Amino acid sequence: MALALTSVGAASAADNATQPVAAVDELPQGQDVSDTVIELAGWVVASKDSQGYPFAVMDKAAAQILVFGGDGKLRGAAPALFGSATGDHSAPGVAGLALREIPGRDRTTPAGRFVGGYGPSIDAGRVLWVDYDSAVSIHPTPPGTPAEKRAERLASPTPDDNRVTHGCINVSSEFYERVVRSTFERGGVFYVLPDNASMAETFPEFAQSRATAQHEDGKRERSGRH
């Protein structure tokens, strides 16, 4: 249901009735995708905001990631782990700290629109950077964190326990290999929804477009009354 709704939103925005083929669905059964995520994905396609590059929409509150190809078609949706601290900005200098040195309050996943891609890292080899300046990347759940139970958190049916990382985004190894790696091999655009900031502050062009559409809908409704 969630994937079907998202596909329709994006495809109709692109005026293309072709549905995504074999999208990978790892979302827990019965877990929906929010209207905001659906609208944002549709706007990205309709406005060509990703400029033909693949893109991902990440909802921190719902602990979800949705991945789309450059054609706007859904490639997959899955639960994800995000920074243990709520917040929409990275603390100054946090990118230069070792993981153990990052204070708990600064373990945030920043919100906004980021252009990223694969590149080298100091301690993890080649990684998919979402935002290089704040050292935020997408990677599979690391095997060396048994105490944090990251795999178990991903597998749980609710998003309540998915805030555990130092700021990076974790997905299952299977989703990473089947969807993320191949989709973003040449880079892409990443949209991370905010915890506390408004959508207007985080994605001003999208918010303006949505406000304009709502205004036009209101005008049409009023003109139809007699």
N, C-alpha and C. Protein backbone atom coordinates (compact mmCIF):
# COMPACT_ATOMS: atom_id res chain seq x y z
N MET A 1 0.83 -1.20 0.00
CA MET A 1 0.00 0.00 0.00
C MET A 1 0.87 1.26 0.00
N ALA A 2 1.86 1.31 0.90
CA ALA A 2 2.71 2.50 0.98
C ALA A 2 3.46 2.72 -0.32
N LEU A 3 4.02 1.65 -0.88
CA LEU A 3 4.78 1.80 -2.10
C LEU A 3 3.89 2.18 -3.27
N ALA A 4 2.70 1.62 -3.31
CA ALA A 4 1.78 1.95 -4.40
C ALA A 4 1.41 3.43 -4.37
N LEU A 5 1.14 3.96 -3.18
CA LEU A 5 0.78 5.35 -3.06
C LEU A 5 1.92 6.26 -3.48
N THR A 6 3.12 5.91 -3.04
CA THR A 6 4.27 6.73 -3.39
C THR A 6 4.54 6.69 -4.88
N SER A 7 4.40 5.53 -5.48
CA SER A 7 4.63 5.41 -6.91
C SER A 7 3.64 6.25 -7.69
N VAL A 8 2.39 6.21 -7.28
CA VAL A 8 1.37 6.99 -7.97
C VAL A 8 1.66 8.47 -7.85
N GLY A 9 2.08 8.90 -6.64
CA GLY A 9 2.36 10.31 -6.46
C GLY A 9 3.48 10.79 -7.36
N ALA A 10 4.55 10.03 -7.43
CA ALA A 10 5.68 10.44 -8.25
C ALA A 10 5.37 10.29 -9.72
N ALA A 11 4.73 9.21 -10.11
CA ALA A 11 4.49 8.96 -11.52
C ALA A 11 3.50 9.95 -12.09
N SER A 12 2.45 10.29 -11.33
CA SER A 12 1.46 11.22 -11.85
C SER A 12 2.08 12.60 -11.99
N ALA A 13 2.98 12.95 -11.06
CA ALA A 13 3.64 14.24 -11.16
C ALA A 13 4.46 14.33 -12.42
N ALA A 14 5.02 13.21 -12.84
CA ALA A 14 5.82 13.19 -14.06
C ALA A 14 4.97 12.93 -15.29
N ASP A 15 3.65 12.81 -15.08
CA ASP A 15 2.72 12.53 -16.17
C ASP A 15 3.11 11.26 -16.90
N ASN A 16 3.44 10.24 -16.11
CA ASN A 16 3.89 8.98 -16.69
C ASN A 16 3.16 7.87 -15.96
N ALA A 17 2.38 7.08 -16.69
CA ALA A 17 1.56 6.05 -16.05
C ALA A 17 2.32 4.76 -15.79
N THR A 18 3.55 4.67 -16.26
CA THR A 18 4.32 3.45 -16.08
C THR A 18 4.69 3.27 -14.62
N GLN A 19 4.37 2.13 -14.06
CA GLN A 19 4.66 1.88 -12.66
C GLN A 19 6.06 1.30 -12.49
N PRO A 20 6.70 1.55 -11.33
CA PRO A 20 8.01 0.98 -11.07
C PRO A 20 7.97 -0.54 -11.13
N VAL A 21 9.06 -1.11 -11.58
CA VAL A 21 9.14 -2.56 -11.71
C VAL A 21 9.97 -3.12 -10.56
N ALA A 22 9.42 -4.10 -9.87
CA ALA A 22 10.13 -4.84 -8.83
C ALA A 22 10.79 -3.94 -7.80
N ALA A 23 10.04 -2.96 -7.31
CA ALA A 23 10.57 -2.14 -6.22
C ALA A 23 10.73 -3.00 -4.97
N VAL A 24 11.83 -2.81 -4.27
CA VAL A 24 12.11 -3.58 -3.06
C VAL A 24 11.37 -2.94 -1.89
N ASP A 25 10.57 -3.72 -1.21
CA ASP A 25 9.78 -3.22 -0.09
C ASP A 25 10.20 -3.92 1.20
N GLU A 26 10.94 -3.21 2.05
CA GLU A 26 11.34 -3.75 3.35
C GLU A 26 10.60 -3.10 4.50
N LEU A 27 9.64 -2.21 4.21
CA LEU A 27 8.92 -1.55 5.29
C LEU A 27 8.08 -2.56 6.07
N PRO A 28 7.97 -2.37 7.37
CA PRO A 28 7.14 -3.29 8.17
C PRO A 28 5.71 -3.33 7.66
N GLN A 29 5.10 -4.47 7.74
CA GLN A 29 3.74 -4.64 7.27
C GLN A 29 2.80 -3.67 7.98
N GLY A 30 1.99 -2.96 7.19
CA GLY A 30 1.04 -2.02 7.75
C GLY A 30 1.59 -0.64 8.01
N GLN A 31 2.91 -0.42 7.80
CA GLN A 31 3.49 0.90 8.04
C GLN A 31 3.34 1.75 6.79
N ASP A 32 2.67 2.89 6.92
CA ASP A 32 2.42 3.76 5.77
C ASP A 32 3.54 4.77 5.57
N VAL A 33 3.55 5.34 4.37
CA VAL A 33 4.42 6.46 4.05
C VAL A 33 3.59 7.73 4.19
N SER A 34 4.15 8.77 4.78
CA SER A 34 3.38 9.98 5.05
C SER A 34 3.02 10.72 3.77
N ASP A 35 1.94 11.50 3.83
CA ASP A 35 1.54 12.32 2.69
C ASP A 35 2.64 13.31 2.32
N THR A 36 3.34 13.82 3.33
CA THR A 36 4.40 14.78 3.06
C THR A 36 5.51 14.17 2.22
N VAL A 37 5.89 12.94 2.53
CA VAL A 37 6.92 12.25 1.75
C VAL A 37 6.44 12.02 0.32
N ILE A 38 5.19 11.61 0.18
CA ILE A 38 4.63 11.37 -1.15
C ILE A 38 4.61 12.66 -1.96
N GLU A 39 4.17 13.75 -1.33
CA GLU A 39 4.11 15.03 -2.03
C GLU A 39 5.50 15.53 -2.41
N LEU A 40 6.46 15.37 -1.49
CA LEU A 40 7.82 15.82 -1.78
C LEU A 40 8.42 15.04 -2.93
N ALA A 41 8.24 13.72 -2.93
CA ALA A 41 8.77 12.90 -4.03
C ALA A 41 8.13 13.30 -5.35
N GLY A 42 6.81 13.53 -5.34
CA GLY A 42 6.14 13.95 -6.55
C GLY A 42 6.64 15.29 -7.06
N TRP A 43 6.90 16.21 -6.11
CA TRP A 43 7.42 17.52 -6.50
C TRP A 43 8.82 17.42 -7.08
N VAL A 44 9.66 16.59 -6.51
CA VAL A 44 11.03 16.41 -7.03
C VAL A 44 10.98 15.99 -8.50
N VAL A 45 10.10 15.04 -8.80
CA VAL A 45 9.98 14.55 -10.18
C VAL A 45 9.39 15.63 -11.08
N ALA A 46 8.28 16.23 -10.65
CA ALA A 46 7.59 17.21 -11.49
C ALA A 46 8.44 18.44 -11.77
N SER A 47 9.19 18.89 -10.77
CA SER A 47 10.00 20.10 -10.91
C SER A 47 11.39 19.82 -11.45
N LYS A 48 11.71 18.51 -11.58
CA LYS A 48 13.06 18.10 -12.00
C LYS A 48 14.13 18.65 -11.05
N ASP A 49 13.79 18.69 -9.76
CA ASP A 49 14.71 19.26 -8.78
C ASP A 49 15.98 18.45 -8.64
N SER A 50 15.91 17.15 -8.92
CA SER A 50 17.12 16.32 -8.83
C SER A 50 17.91 16.32 -10.13
N GLN A 51 17.43 17.07 -11.12
CA GLN A 51 18.13 17.24 -12.39
C GLN A 51 18.47 15.92 -13.07
N GLY A 52 17.56 14.98 -12.97
CA GLY A 52 17.75 13.70 -13.63
C GLY A 52 18.58 12.69 -12.86
N TYR A 53 19.09 13.09 -11.72
CA TYR A 53 19.85 12.16 -10.89
C TYR A 53 18.89 11.36 -10.01
N PRO A 54 19.28 10.16 -9.59
CA PRO A 54 18.46 9.43 -8.63
C PRO A 54 18.40 10.21 -7.32
N PHE A 55 17.37 9.92 -6.54
CA PHE A 55 17.24 10.65 -5.28
C PHE A 55 16.62 9.75 -4.22
N ALA A 56 16.78 10.18 -2.98
CA ALA A 56 16.19 9.47 -1.84
C ALA A 56 15.49 10.48 -0.96
N VAL A 57 14.36 10.07 -0.42
CA VAL A 57 13.64 10.88 0.57
C VAL A 57 13.70 10.12 1.89
N MET A 58 14.18 10.79 2.93
CA MET A 58 14.35 10.15 4.23
C MET A 58 13.51 10.86 5.27
N ASP A 59 12.67 10.09 5.94
CA ASP A 59 11.77 10.60 6.97
C ASP A 59 12.28 10.14 8.32
N LYS A 60 12.90 11.07 9.06
CA LYS A 60 13.48 10.68 10.35
C LYS A 60 12.41 10.26 11.35
N ALA A 61 11.27 10.95 11.37
CA ALA A 61 10.22 10.64 12.33
C ALA A 61 9.67 9.23 12.13
N ALA A 62 9.53 8.83 10.88
CA ALA A 62 9.02 7.49 10.57
C ALA A 62 10.12 6.47 10.40
N ALA A 63 11.38 6.93 10.43
CA ALA A 63 12.54 6.05 10.26
C ALA A 63 12.46 5.29 8.95
N GLN A 64 12.23 6.02 7.86
CA GLN A 64 12.09 5.41 6.54
C GLN A 64 13.01 6.07 5.52
N ILE A 65 13.41 5.28 4.53
CA ILE A 65 14.11 5.79 3.37
C ILE A 65 13.43 5.25 2.12
N LEU A 66 13.15 6.14 1.17
CA LEU A 66 12.59 5.76 -0.12
C LEU A 66 13.56 6.18 -1.20
N VAL A 67 13.90 5.27 -2.08
CA VAL A 67 14.91 5.50 -3.11
C VAL A 67 14.26 5.49 -4.48
N PHE A 68 14.57 6.51 -5.30
CA PHE A 68 14.02 6.64 -6.63
C PHE A 68 15.14 6.73 -7.65
N GLY A 69 14.90 6.17 -8.82
CA GLY A 69 15.88 6.28 -9.90
C GLY A 69 15.82 7.64 -10.56
N GLY A 70 16.72 7.89 -11.47
CA GLY A 70 16.73 9.15 -12.18
C GLY A 70 15.49 9.37 -13.02
N ASP A 71 14.77 8.29 -13.31
CA ASP A 71 13.52 8.39 -14.05
C ASP A 71 12.33 8.68 -13.17
N GLY A 72 12.56 8.82 -11.87
CA GLY A 72 11.50 9.12 -10.94
C GLY A 72 10.75 7.91 -10.43
N LYS A 73 11.13 6.73 -10.86
CA LYS A 73 10.44 5.52 -10.43
C LYS A 73 11.03 4.99 -9.13
N LEU A 74 10.15 4.49 -8.31
CA LEU A 74 10.57 3.97 -7.02
C LEU A 74 11.42 2.72 -7.18
N ARG A 75 12.60 2.72 -6.56
CA ARG A 75 13.47 1.55 -6.56
C ARG A 75 13.28 0.70 -5.30
N GLY A 76 12.95 1.36 -4.19
CA GLY A 76 12.77 0.61 -2.97
C GLY A 76 12.49 1.49 -1.77
N ALA A 77 11.94 0.88 -0.73
CA ALA A 77 11.64 1.57 0.52
C ALA A 77 12.02 0.65 1.67
N ALA A 78 12.55 1.23 2.73
CA ALA A 78 13.04 0.40 3.83
C ALA A 78 13.12 1.22 5.11
N PRO A 79 13.11 0.55 6.25
CA PRO A 79 13.40 1.25 7.51
C PRO A 79 14.86 1.67 7.55
N ALA A 80 15.15 2.70 8.31
CA ALA A 80 16.52 3.18 8.44
C ALA A 80 16.77 3.64 9.87
N LEU A 81 18.03 3.67 10.23
CA LEU A 81 18.44 4.20 11.52
C LEU A 81 19.03 5.58 11.32
N PHE A 82 18.76 6.48 12.27
CA PHE A 82 19.23 7.86 12.17
C PHE A 82 19.92 8.26 13.47
N GLY A 83 20.42 9.50 13.49
CA GLY A 83 21.15 10.00 14.65
C GLY A 83 20.33 9.90 15.93
N SER A 84 21.00 9.54 17.02
CA SER A 84 20.31 9.34 18.29
C SER A 84 19.75 10.63 18.87
N ALA A 85 20.31 11.76 18.49
CA ALA A 85 19.83 13.05 18.99
C ALA A 85 18.90 13.69 17.97
N THR A 86 17.80 14.26 18.43
CA THR A 86 16.93 14.98 17.52
C THR A 86 17.54 16.34 17.23
N GLY A 87 17.33 16.80 16.03
CA GLY A 87 17.91 18.07 15.60
C GLY A 87 18.14 18.05 14.11
N ASP A 88 18.24 19.21 13.51
CA ASP A 88 18.29 19.31 12.06
C ASP A 88 19.56 19.94 11.53
N HIS A 89 20.51 20.19 12.41
CA HIS A 89 21.78 20.79 12.00
C HIS A 89 22.94 20.03 12.63
N SER A 90 24.08 20.10 11.99
CA SER A 90 25.29 19.50 12.55
C SER A 90 26.03 20.51 13.39
N ALA A 91 26.53 20.08 14.52
CA ALA A 91 27.30 20.97 15.39
C ALA A 91 28.61 21.34 14.72
N PRO A 92 29.08 22.57 14.89
CA PRO A 92 30.36 22.97 14.30
C PRO A 92 31.49 22.05 14.75
N GLY A 93 32.28 21.62 13.79
CA GLY A 93 33.45 20.81 14.09
C GLY A 93 33.19 19.35 14.32
N VAL A 94 31.91 18.91 14.25
CA VAL A 94 31.60 17.52 14.56
C VAL A 94 32.20 16.56 13.54
N ALA A 95 32.36 17.03 12.30
CA ALA A 95 32.89 16.16 11.25
C ALA A 95 34.34 15.76 11.52
N GLY A 96 35.05 16.55 12.31
CA GLY A 96 36.45 16.25 12.58
C GLY A 96 36.68 15.41 13.82
N LEU A 97 35.61 14.98 14.47
CA LEU A 97 35.74 14.20 15.70
C LEU A 97 35.65 12.70 15.42
N ALA A 98 36.35 11.92 16.22
CA ALA A 98 36.15 10.47 16.19
C ALA A 98 34.77 10.18 16.75
N LEU A 99 34.18 9.05 16.35
CA LEU A 99 32.82 8.74 16.77
C LEU A 99 32.65 8.80 18.28
N ARG A 100 33.60 8.23 19.01
CA ARG A 100 33.48 8.18 20.47
C ARG A 100 33.58 9.57 21.09
N GLU A 101 34.10 10.54 20.34
CA GLU A 101 34.27 11.89 20.86
C GLU A 101 33.06 12.78 20.63
N ILE A 102 32.09 12.33 19.83
CA ILE A 102 30.93 13.15 19.52
C ILE A 102 29.97 13.15 20.71
N PRO A 103 29.69 14.30 21.32
CA PRO A 103 28.76 14.33 22.46
C PRO A 103 27.38 13.82 22.04
N GLY A 104 26.66 13.24 22.97
CA GLY A 104 25.35 12.69 22.67
C GLY A 104 24.42 13.70 22.04
N ARG A 105 24.46 14.95 22.50
CA ARG A 105 23.55 15.98 22.01
C ARG A 105 23.84 16.35 20.55
N ASP A 106 25.05 16.02 20.07
CA ASP A 106 25.45 16.40 18.71
C ASP A 106 25.33 15.25 17.71
N ARG A 107 24.76 14.15 18.13
CA ARG A 107 24.62 13.00 17.23
C ARG A 107 23.34 13.11 16.41
N THR A 108 23.29 14.16 15.62
CA THR A 108 22.10 14.47 14.82
C THR A 108 22.31 14.08 13.36
N THR A 109 21.20 13.81 12.68
CA THR A 109 21.22 13.66 11.23
C THR A 109 20.65 14.94 10.65
N PRO A 110 21.46 15.75 9.99
CA PRO A 110 20.97 17.04 9.50
C PRO A 110 19.87 16.88 8.46
N ALA A 111 18.95 17.84 8.45
CA ALA A 111 17.85 17.84 7.49
C ALA A 111 18.16 18.79 6.34
N GLY A 112 17.52 18.52 5.20
CA GLY A 112 17.69 19.40 4.05
C GLY A 112 17.91 18.65 2.76
N ARG A 113 18.30 19.39 1.74
CA ARG A 113 18.60 18.83 0.42
C ARG A 113 20.12 18.77 0.26
N PHE A 114 20.63 17.59 -0.05
CA PHE A 114 22.07 17.41 -0.18
C PHE A 114 22.39 16.71 -1.50
N VAL A 115 23.44 17.15 -2.13
CA VAL A 115 23.95 16.47 -3.32
C VAL A 115 25.16 15.67 -2.89
N GLY A 116 25.10 14.36 -3.07
CA GLY A 116 26.18 13.51 -2.58
C GLY A 116 26.58 12.44 -3.55
N GLY A 117 27.49 11.60 -3.10
CA GLY A 117 27.97 10.51 -3.94
C GLY A 117 29.07 9.74 -3.23
N TYR A 118 29.57 8.73 -3.92
CA TYR A 118 30.62 7.90 -3.33
C TYR A 118 31.94 8.63 -3.32
N GLY A 119 32.69 8.40 -2.24
CA GLY A 119 34.00 9.00 -2.11
C GLY A 119 34.75 8.36 -0.97
N PRO A 120 36.04 8.68 -0.81
CA PRO A 120 36.85 8.06 0.24
C PRO A 120 36.52 8.61 1.62
N SER A 121 36.79 7.80 2.62
CA SER A 121 36.70 8.24 4.01
C SER A 121 37.99 7.86 4.72
N ILE A 122 38.20 8.44 5.88
CA ILE A 122 39.44 8.18 6.61
C ILE A 122 39.50 6.76 7.15
N ASP A 123 38.37 6.27 7.67
CA ASP A 123 38.42 5.00 8.39
C ASP A 123 37.46 3.92 7.88
N ALA A 124 36.70 4.22 6.81
CA ALA A 124 35.72 3.23 6.35
C ALA A 124 35.81 2.94 4.86
N GLY A 125 36.91 3.33 4.25
CA GLY A 125 37.04 3.08 2.82
C GLY A 125 36.14 3.99 2.00
N ARG A 126 35.61 3.45 0.91
CA ARG A 126 34.74 4.20 0.02
C ARG A 126 33.31 4.15 0.55
N VAL A 127 32.71 5.32 0.78
CA VAL A 127 31.38 5.37 1.35
C VAL A 127 30.48 6.28 0.52
N LEU A 128 29.17 6.14 0.72
CA LEU A 128 28.21 7.00 0.04
C LEU A 128 27.93 8.21 0.92
N TRP A 129 28.53 9.34 0.56
CA TRP A 129 28.35 10.55 1.34
C TRP A 129 27.01 11.20 1.00
N VAL A 130 26.21 11.48 2.02
CA VAL A 130 25.02 12.31 1.86
C VAL A 130 25.44 13.77 1.94
N ASP A 131 26.23 14.07 2.95
CA ASP A 131 26.77 15.43 3.12
C ASP A 131 28.20 15.30 3.64
N TYR A 132 29.14 15.51 2.76
CA TYR A 132 30.54 15.31 3.11
C TYR A 132 30.99 16.28 4.21
N ASP A 133 30.50 17.53 4.14
CA ASP A 133 30.94 18.56 5.09
C ASP A 133 30.60 18.20 6.54
N SER A 134 29.47 17.53 6.72
CA SER A 134 29.09 17.14 8.09
C SER A 134 29.35 15.66 8.36
N ALA A 135 30.04 15.00 7.43
CA ALA A 135 30.46 13.60 7.59
C ALA A 135 29.27 12.66 7.78
N VAL A 136 28.19 12.89 7.04
CA VAL A 136 27.01 12.03 7.12
C VAL A 136 26.95 11.16 5.87
N SER A 137 26.86 9.86 6.07
CA SER A 137 26.81 8.93 4.94
C SER A 137 25.70 7.91 5.15
N ILE A 138 25.40 7.18 4.07
CA ILE A 138 24.50 6.03 4.16
C ILE A 138 25.35 4.78 4.06
N HIS A 139 25.16 3.85 4.98
CA HIS A 139 25.92 2.61 4.91
C HIS A 139 25.14 1.48 5.56
N PRO A 140 25.51 0.24 5.27
CA PRO A 140 24.83 -0.89 5.91
C PRO A 140 25.05 -0.87 7.41
N THR A 141 24.15 -1.50 8.12
CA THR A 141 24.30 -1.61 9.57
C THR A 141 25.65 -2.26 9.89
N PRO A 142 26.50 -1.59 10.64
CA PRO A 142 27.83 -2.15 10.93
C PRO A 142 27.74 -3.38 11.81
N PRO A 143 28.55 -4.40 11.52
CA PRO A 143 28.49 -5.65 12.30
C PRO A 143 29.08 -5.52 13.69
N GLY A 144 29.89 -4.50 13.92
CA GLY A 144 30.61 -4.40 15.18
C GLY A 144 29.89 -3.62 16.25
N THR A 145 28.57 -3.59 16.24
CA THR A 145 27.83 -2.82 17.24
C THR A 145 26.75 -3.68 17.92
N PRO A 146 27.12 -4.85 18.44
CA PRO A 146 26.10 -5.74 19.03
C PRO A 146 25.38 -5.12 20.22
N ALA A 147 26.06 -4.30 21.00
CA ALA A 147 25.43 -3.71 22.17
C ALA A 147 24.31 -2.75 21.79
N GLU A 148 24.42 -2.14 20.60
CA GLU A 148 23.40 -1.19 20.16
C GLU A 148 22.23 -1.87 19.47
N LYS A 149 22.39 -3.15 19.15
CA LYS A 149 21.31 -3.93 18.53
C LYS A 149 20.73 -3.23 17.30
N ARG A 150 21.61 -2.78 16.42
CA ARG A 150 21.12 -2.02 15.28
C ARG A 150 20.29 -2.87 14.32
N ALA A 151 20.71 -4.10 14.09
CA ALA A 151 19.94 -4.97 13.21
C ALA A 151 18.55 -5.23 13.79
N GLU A 152 18.49 -5.44 15.09
CA GLU A 152 17.20 -5.68 15.74
C GLU A 152 16.31 -4.44 15.68
N ARG A 153 16.92 -3.28 15.81
CA ARG A 153 16.15 -2.04 15.72
C ARG A 153 15.56 -1.86 14.33
N LEU A 154 16.35 -2.18 13.30
CA LEU A 154 15.84 -2.09 11.94
C LEU A 154 14.67 -3.04 11.72
N ALA A 155 14.74 -4.20 12.33
CA ALA A 155 13.72 -5.23 12.12
C ALA A 155 12.46 -5.01 12.95
N SER A 156 12.50 -4.11 13.92
CA SER A 156 11.32 -3.90 14.76
C SER A 156 10.20 -3.25 13.95
N PRO A 157 8.94 -3.48 14.33
CA PRO A 157 7.82 -3.01 13.52
C PRO A 157 7.51 -1.52 13.66
N THR A 158 8.15 -0.82 14.59
CA THR A 158 7.87 0.59 14.79
C THR A 158 9.16 1.41 14.66
N PRO A 159 9.03 2.73 14.45
CA PRO A 159 10.22 3.59 14.34
C PRO A 159 10.74 4.07 15.69
N ASP A 160 10.11 3.64 16.77
CA ASP A 160 10.42 4.21 18.08
C ASP A 160 11.85 3.97 18.55
N ASP A 161 12.48 2.91 18.04
CA ASP A 161 13.83 2.58 18.51
C ASP A 161 14.89 2.76 17.42
N ASN A 162 14.58 3.56 16.41
CA ASN A 162 15.50 3.68 15.27
C ASN A 162 16.44 4.87 15.35
N ARG A 163 16.46 5.56 16.48
CA ARG A 163 17.39 6.67 16.64
C ARG A 163 18.56 6.19 17.50
N VAL A 164 19.66 5.83 16.85
CA VAL A 164 20.75 5.20 17.59
C VAL A 164 22.13 5.53 17.04
N THR A 165 22.24 6.08 15.82
CA THR A 165 23.55 6.27 15.21
C THR A 165 24.21 7.57 15.70
N HIS A 166 25.43 7.78 15.24
CA HIS A 166 26.15 9.02 15.55
C HIS A 166 25.77 10.14 14.58
N GLY A 167 24.86 9.86 13.67
CA GLY A 167 24.40 10.86 12.70
C GLY A 167 24.22 10.30 11.31
N CYS A 168 24.92 9.21 11.00
CA CYS A 168 24.80 8.59 9.69
C CYS A 168 23.47 7.84 9.57
N ILE A 169 23.17 7.43 8.34
CA ILE A 169 21.96 6.68 8.07
C ILE A 169 22.34 5.23 7.82
N ASN A 170 21.75 4.31 8.56
CA ASN A 170 22.00 2.88 8.40
C ASN A 170 20.79 2.21 7.77
N VAL A 171 21.04 1.29 6.84
CA VAL A 171 20.00 0.43 6.28
C VAL A 171 20.49 -1.01 6.35
N SER A 172 19.62 -1.95 6.06
CA SER A 172 20.05 -3.34 6.08
C SER A 172 21.07 -3.59 4.96
N SER A 173 21.91 -4.58 5.16
CA SER A 173 22.91 -4.91 4.15
C SER A 173 22.26 -5.30 2.83
N GLU A 174 21.15 -6.03 2.92
CA GLU A 174 20.46 -6.46 1.70
C GLU A 174 19.91 -5.27 0.93
N PHE A 175 19.28 -4.32 1.63
CA PHE A 175 18.74 -3.16 0.94
C PHE A 175 19.86 -2.32 0.35
N TYR A 176 20.95 -2.21 1.07
CA TYR A 176 22.09 -1.43 0.57
C TYR A 176 22.62 -2.03 -0.73
N GLU A 177 22.79 -3.34 -0.75
CA GLU A 177 23.36 -3.98 -1.93
C GLU A 177 22.37 -4.03 -3.09
N ARG A 178 21.10 -4.28 -2.81
CA ARG A 178 20.11 -4.43 -3.87
C ARG A 178 19.65 -3.10 -4.44
N VAL A 179 19.63 -2.05 -3.61
CA VAL A 179 19.02 -0.80 -4.04
C VAL A 179 19.99 0.38 -3.99
N VAL A 180 20.58 0.62 -2.83
CA VAL A 180 21.35 1.85 -2.63
C VAL A 180 22.60 1.89 -3.50
N ARG A 181 23.40 0.84 -3.46
CA ARG A 181 24.69 0.87 -4.15
C ARG A 181 24.52 1.10 -5.65
N SER A 182 23.63 0.33 -6.27
CA SER A 182 23.47 0.44 -7.72
C SER A 182 22.81 1.75 -8.12
N THR A 183 21.88 2.24 -7.31
CA THR A 183 21.16 3.46 -7.66
C THR A 183 22.06 4.69 -7.60
N PHE A 184 22.92 4.76 -6.61
CA PHE A 184 23.71 5.97 -6.39
C PHE A 184 25.18 5.81 -6.79
N GLU A 185 25.48 4.86 -7.65
CA GLU A 185 26.86 4.64 -8.06
C GLU A 185 27.48 5.90 -8.66
N ARG A 186 26.68 6.71 -9.33
CA ARG A 186 27.18 7.96 -9.92
C ARG A 186 26.68 9.19 -9.19
N GLY A 187 26.25 9.00 -7.96
CA GLY A 187 25.81 10.13 -7.15
C GLY A 187 24.31 10.33 -7.20
N GLY A 188 23.83 11.27 -6.42
CA GLY A 188 22.41 11.54 -6.37
C GLY A 188 22.09 12.69 -5.43
N VAL A 189 20.80 12.88 -5.21
CA VAL A 189 20.31 13.97 -4.36
C VAL A 189 19.55 13.35 -3.20
N PHE A 190 19.75 13.89 -2.01
CA PHE A 190 19.18 13.31 -0.80
C PHE A 190 18.35 14.37 -0.07
N TYR A 191 17.11 14.01 0.23
CA TYR A 191 16.19 14.91 0.92
C TYR A 191 15.88 14.31 2.29
N VAL A 192 16.31 15.00 3.33
CA VAL A 192 16.11 14.51 4.70
C VAL A 192 15.11 15.42 5.40
N LEU A 193 13.96 14.84 5.78
CA LEU A 193 12.92 15.62 6.45
C LEU A 193 13.38 16.02 7.85
N PRO A 194 12.89 17.17 8.31
CA PRO A 194 13.36 17.69 9.61
C PRO A 194 12.68 17.05 10.81
N ASP A 195 13.36 17.14 11.95
CA ASP A 195 12.77 16.77 13.24
C ASP A 195 11.93 17.92 13.78
N ASN A 196 12.55 19.10 13.83
CA ASN A 196 11.93 20.25 14.50
C ASN A 196 11.67 21.43 13.57
N ALA A 197 12.52 21.64 12.60
CA ALA A 197 12.36 22.77 11.69
C ALA A 197 11.12 22.57 10.82
N SER A 198 10.60 23.64 10.27
CA SER A 198 9.44 23.56 9.39
C SER A 198 9.86 23.10 8.00
N MET A 199 8.90 22.58 7.25
CA MET A 199 9.18 22.20 5.87
C MET A 199 9.52 23.44 5.04
N ALA A 200 8.90 24.57 5.37
CA ALA A 200 9.18 25.80 4.64
C ALA A 200 10.64 26.23 4.81
N GLU A 201 11.16 26.03 6.02
CA GLU A 201 12.56 26.37 6.28
C GLU A 201 13.50 25.37 5.62
N THR A 202 13.12 24.12 5.62
CA THR A 202 13.99 23.06 5.14
C THR A 202 13.97 22.92 3.62
N PHE A 203 12.78 23.00 3.04
CA PHE A 203 12.61 22.88 1.59
C PHE A 203 11.73 24.02 1.09
N PRO A 204 12.27 25.24 1.03
CA PRO A 204 11.44 26.42 0.72
C PRO A 204 10.77 26.36 -0.65
N GLU A 205 11.43 25.84 -1.67
CA GLU A 205 10.81 25.80 -2.99
C GLU A 205 9.65 24.81 -3.03
N PHE A 206 9.81 23.68 -2.38
CA PHE A 206 8.72 22.71 -2.29
C PHE A 206 7.55 23.30 -1.52
N ALA A 207 7.83 23.93 -0.39
CA ALA A 207 6.77 24.50 0.43
C ALA A 207 6.01 25.59 -0.34
N GLN A 208 6.72 26.40 -1.10
CA GLN A 208 6.07 27.44 -1.90
C GLN A 208 5.18 26.83 -2.97
N SER A 209 5.67 25.78 -3.61
CA SER A 209 4.90 25.10 -4.63
C SER A 209 3.62 24.50 -4.04
N ARG A 210 3.74 23.90 -2.87
CA ARG A 210 2.57 23.30 -2.22
C ARG A 210 1.57 24.37 -1.80
N ALA A 211 2.06 25.50 -1.30
CA ALA A 211 1.17 26.59 -0.91
C ALA A 211 0.43 27.15 -2.11
N THR A 212 1.16 27.28 -3.23
CA THR A 212 0.53 27.78 -4.45
C THR A 212 -0.55 26.83 -4.93
N ALA A 213 -0.27 25.53 -4.90
CA ALA A 213 -1.24 24.54 -5.35
C ALA A 213 -2.48 24.56 -4.46
N GLN A 214 -2.28 24.69 -3.15
CA GLN A 214 -3.41 24.74 -2.24
C GLN A 214 -4.24 26.00 -2.46
N HIS A 215 -3.57 27.11 -2.76
CA HIS A 215 -4.27 28.36 -3.04
C HIS A 215 -5.12 28.23 -4.30
N GLU A 216 -4.56 27.62 -5.33
CA GLU A 216 -5.30 27.43 -6.58
C GLU A 216 -6.48 26.50 -6.37
N ASP A 217 -6.29 25.46 -5.57
CA ASP A 217 -7.40 24.55 -5.26
C ASP A 217 -8.51 25.29 -4.54
N GLY A 218 -8.13 26.16 -3.63
CA GLY A 218 -9.12 26.94 -2.90
C GLY A 218 -9.90 27.87 -3.81
N LYS A 219 -9.22 28.48 -4.77
CA LYS A 219 -9.89 29.37 -5.72
C LYS A 219 -10.89 28.61 -6.57
N ARG A 220 -10.52 27.41 -6.98
CA ARG A 220 -11.42 26.59 -7.79
C ARG A 220 -12.66 26.18 -7.01
N GLU A 221 -12.44 25.84 -5.72
CA GLU A 221 -13.57 25.46 -4.88
C GLU A 221 -14.53 26.63 -4.70
N ARG A 222 -14.00 27.83 -4.48
CA ARG A 222 -14.85 28.99 -4.27
C ARG A 222 -15.61 29.35 -5.54
N SER A 223 -14.94 29.22 -6.69
CA SER A 223 -15.61 29.58 -7.94
C SER A 223 -16.74 28.61 -8.27
N GLY A 224 -16.74 27.43 -7.67
CA GLY A 224 -17.76 26.45 -7.96
C GLY A 224 -19.00 26.59 -7.10
N ARG A 225 -19.03 27.55 -6.15
CA ARG A 225 -20.18 27.72 -5.27
C ARG A 225 -21.17 28.71 -5.88
N HIS A 226 -22.45 28.41 -5.75
CA HIS A 226 -23.49 29.28 -6.32
C HIS A 226 -24.53 29.63 -5.25
